[in-house]
C-alpha cells in the first residue's frame, strides 16, 4: 500500500516485502518461490530478469542482481541443494 508521507524507497520496500510474504517457501511447481525471504528463485531466466526489472523500477534505481545456480557448478563444488537449477533475484 502506498503511503503519501513515505518516500518511493519506503513504498518499494513495502511492496517487495508483500511479494516475499506471498511466495511459497518451496518450489512445488511454482514459477517463483523464496526459501528464506532473502532471494526470489525463478524457473527461468526471463522470469528472473522481468522480476528484477520490475523491482528496480519500483525503487527507481538498480537494486537487484540476478544469476543462476548451475547444477554442474553446484555438483563440482559439493553445494547441490534446493536452489540448484533455479535462477535467482537478490535485492541489495
C-alpha atoms as a PDB file:
ATOM      1  CA  UNK A   1       0.000   0.000   0.000  1.00  0.00           C
ATOM      2  CA  UNK A   2       1.356   3.427  -0.954  1.00  0.00           C
ATOM      3  CA  UNK A   3       1.589   5.967   1.814  1.00  0.00           C
ATOM      4  CA  UNK A   4       1.624   9.655   0.893  1.00  0.00           C
ATOM      5  CA  UNK A   5       4.141  10.607   3.554  1.00  0.00           C
ATOM      6  CA  UNK A   6       6.640   7.859   2.657  1.00  0.00           C
ATOM      7  CA  UNK A   7       9.449   8.014   0.128  1.00  0.00           C
ATOM      8  CA  UNK A   8       9.462   5.948  -3.056  1.00  0.00           C
ATOM      9  CA  UNK A   9      12.095   3.713  -1.478  1.00  0.00           C
ATOM     10  CA  UNK A  10       9.925   3.052   1.577  1.00  0.00           C
ATOM     11  CA  UNK A  11       6.928   2.298  -0.651  1.00  0.00           C
ATOM     12  CA  UNK A  12       9.045  -0.023  -2.798  1.00  0.00           C
ATOM     13  CA  UNK A  13      10.277  -1.844   0.311  1.00  0.00           C
ATOM     14  CA  UNK A  14       6.682  -2.398   1.455  1.00  0.00           C
ATOM     15  CA  UNK A  15       5.686  -3.788  -1.949  1.00  0.00           C
ATOM     16  CA  UNK A  16       8.697  -6.116  -2.093  1.00  0.00           C
ATOM     17  CA  UNK A  17       8.000  -7.362   1.443  1.00  0.00           C
ATOM     18  CA  UNK A  18       4.383  -8.040   0.444  1.00  0.00           C
ATOM     19  CA  UNK A  19       5.588 -10.004  -2.598  1.00  0.00           C
ATOM     20  CA  UNK A  20       8.002 -12.035  -0.460  1.00  0.00           C
ATOM     21  CA  UNK A  21       5.240 -12.852   2.046  1.00  0.00           C
ATOM     22  CA  UNK A  22       3.023 -14.190  -0.749  1.00  0.00           C
ATOM     23  CA  UNK A  23       5.643 -16.535  -2.200  1.00  0.00           C
ATOM     24  CA  UNK A  24       5.901 -20.188  -1.306  1.00  0.00           C
ATOM     25  CA  UNK A  25       8.943 -21.372   0.642  1.00  0.00           C
ATOM     26  CA  UNK A  26       9.181 -24.490  -1.559  1.00  0.00           C
ATOM     27  CA  UNK A  27       9.320 -24.779  -5.359  1.00  0.00           C
ATOM     28  CA  UNK A  28       6.314 -27.185  -5.520  1.00  0.00           C
ATOM     29  CA  UNK A  29       5.562 -26.348  -9.162  1.00  0.00           C
ATOM     30  CA  UNK A  30       5.645 -22.570  -8.568  1.00  0.00           C
ATOM     31  CA  UNK A  31       7.248 -20.185 -11.051  1.00  0.00           C
ATOM     32  CA  UNK A  32       8.558 -18.040  -8.172  1.00  0.00           C
ATOM     33  CA  UNK A  33       9.474 -19.023  -4.614  1.00  0.00           C
ATOM     34  CA  UNK A  34      11.673 -17.874  -1.753  1.00  0.00           C
ATOM     35  CA  UNK A  35      13.355 -20.348   0.584  1.00  0.00           C
ATOM     36  CA  UNK A  36      14.380 -17.740   3.140  1.00  0.00           C
ATOM     37  CA  UNK A  37      12.941 -14.349   2.187  1.00  0.00           C
ATOM     38  CA  UNK A  38      16.382 -13.097   1.133  1.00  0.00           C
ATOM     39  CA  UNK A  39      16.159 -14.054  -2.524  1.00  0.00           C
ATOM     40  CA  UNK A  40      13.498 -14.984  -5.049  1.00  0.00           C
ATOM     41  CA  UNK A  41      14.034 -18.089  -7.143  1.00  0.00           C
ATOM     42  CA  UNK A  42      12.523 -18.484 -10.616  1.00  0.00           C
ATOM     43  CA  UNK A  43      12.101 -21.295 -13.101  1.00  0.00           C
ATOM     44  CA  UNK A  44      13.768 -19.459 -15.992  1.00  0.00           C
ATOM     45  CA  UNK A  45      15.977 -16.519 -16.862  1.00  0.00           C
ATOM     46  CA  UNK A  46      13.208 -14.462 -18.481  1.00  0.00           C
ATOM     47  CA  UNK A  47      11.148 -14.545 -15.277  1.00  0.00           C
ATOM     48  CA  UNK A  48      14.166 -13.566 -13.171  1.00  0.00           C
ATOM     49  CA  UNK A  49      15.084 -10.650 -15.440  1.00  0.00           C
ATOM     50  CA  UNK A  50      11.476  -9.452 -15.628  1.00  0.00           C
ATOM     51  CA  UNK A  51      11.093  -9.516 -11.849  1.00  0.00           C
ATOM     52  CA  UNK A  52      14.443  -7.761 -11.326  1.00  0.00           C
ATOM     53  CA  UNK A  53      13.479  -5.041 -13.818  1.00  0.00           C
ATOM     54  CA  UNK A  54      10.107  -4.614 -12.078  1.00  0.00           C
ATOM     55  CA  UNK A  55      11.702  -4.266  -8.640  1.00  0.00           C
ATOM     56  CA  UNK A  56      14.381  -1.902  -9.985  1.00  0.00           C
ATOM     57  CA  UNK A  57      11.595   0.259 -11.468  1.00  0.00           C
ATOM     58  CA  UNK A  58       9.804   0.342  -8.102  1.00  0.00           C
ATOM     59  CA  UNK A  59      12.949   1.623  -6.422  1.00  0.00           C
ATOM     60  CA  UNK A  60      13.841   3.926  -9.309  1.00  0.00           C
ATOM     61  CA  UNK A  61      17.367   2.525  -9.197  1.00  0.00           C
ATOM     62  CA  UNK A  62      19.289  -0.673  -9.915  1.00  0.00           C
ATOM     63  CA  UNK A  63      18.907  -2.677  -6.691  1.00  0.00           C
ATOM     64  CA  UNK A  64      18.661  -6.265  -7.972  1.00  0.00           C
ATOM     65  CA  UNK A  65      21.177  -8.759  -9.208  1.00  0.00           C
ATOM     66  CA  UNK A  66      20.298 -11.982 -10.984  1.00  0.00           C
ATOM     67  CA  UNK A  67      22.052 -15.248 -11.579  1.00  0.00           C
ATOM     68  CA  UNK A  68      21.735 -18.998 -11.929  1.00  0.00           C
ATOM     69  CA  UNK A  69      22.524 -21.867  -9.590  1.00  0.00           C
ATOM     70  CA  UNK A  70      24.175 -24.047 -12.210  1.00  0.00           C
ATOM     71  CA  UNK A  71      23.774 -27.776 -11.490  1.00  0.00           C
ATOM     72  CA  UNK A  72      27.253 -28.625 -12.839  1.00  0.00           C
ATOM     73  CA  UNK A  73      28.964 -25.925 -10.778  1.00  0.00           C
ATOM     74  CA  UNK A  74      26.999 -26.825  -7.662  1.00  0.00           C
ATOM     75  CA  UNK A  75      27.826 -30.532  -8.084  1.00  0.00           C
ATOM     76  CA  UNK A  76      31.533 -29.885  -8.578  1.00  0.00           C
ATOM     77  CA  UNK A  77      31.567 -27.609  -5.506  1.00  0.00           C
ATOM     78  CA  UNK A  78      29.527 -30.026  -3.402  1.00  0.00           C
ATOM     79  CA  UNK A  79      26.824 -27.367  -2.980  1.00  0.00           C
ATOM     80  CA  UNK A  80      23.810 -29.062  -4.579  1.00  0.00           C
ATOM     81  CA  UNK A  81      20.613 -28.109  -2.743  1.00  0.00           C
ATOM     82  CA  UNK A  82      17.015 -26.993  -3.364  1.00  0.00           C
ATOM     83  CA  UNK A  83      18.265 -23.851  -5.151  1.00  0.00           C
ATOM     84  CA  UNK A  84      20.244 -25.807  -7.750  1.00  0.00           C
ATOM     85  CA  UNK A  85      18.856 -25.361 -11.260  1.00  0.00           C
ATOM     86  CA  UNK A  86      16.933 -22.165 -10.456  1.00  0.00           C
ATOM     87  CA  UNK A  87      17.546 -18.565 -11.457  1.00  0.00           C
ATOM     88  CA  UNK A  88      17.689 -16.057  -8.627  1.00  0.00           C
ATOM     89  CA  UNK A  89      16.903 -12.423  -7.905  1.00  0.00           C
ATOM     90  CA  UNK A  90      18.660 -10.818  -4.961  1.00  0.00           C
ATOM     91  CA  UNK A  91      17.629  -7.366  -3.787  1.00  0.00           C
ATOM     92  CA  UNK A  92      20.570  -5.396  -2.425  1.00  0.00           C
END
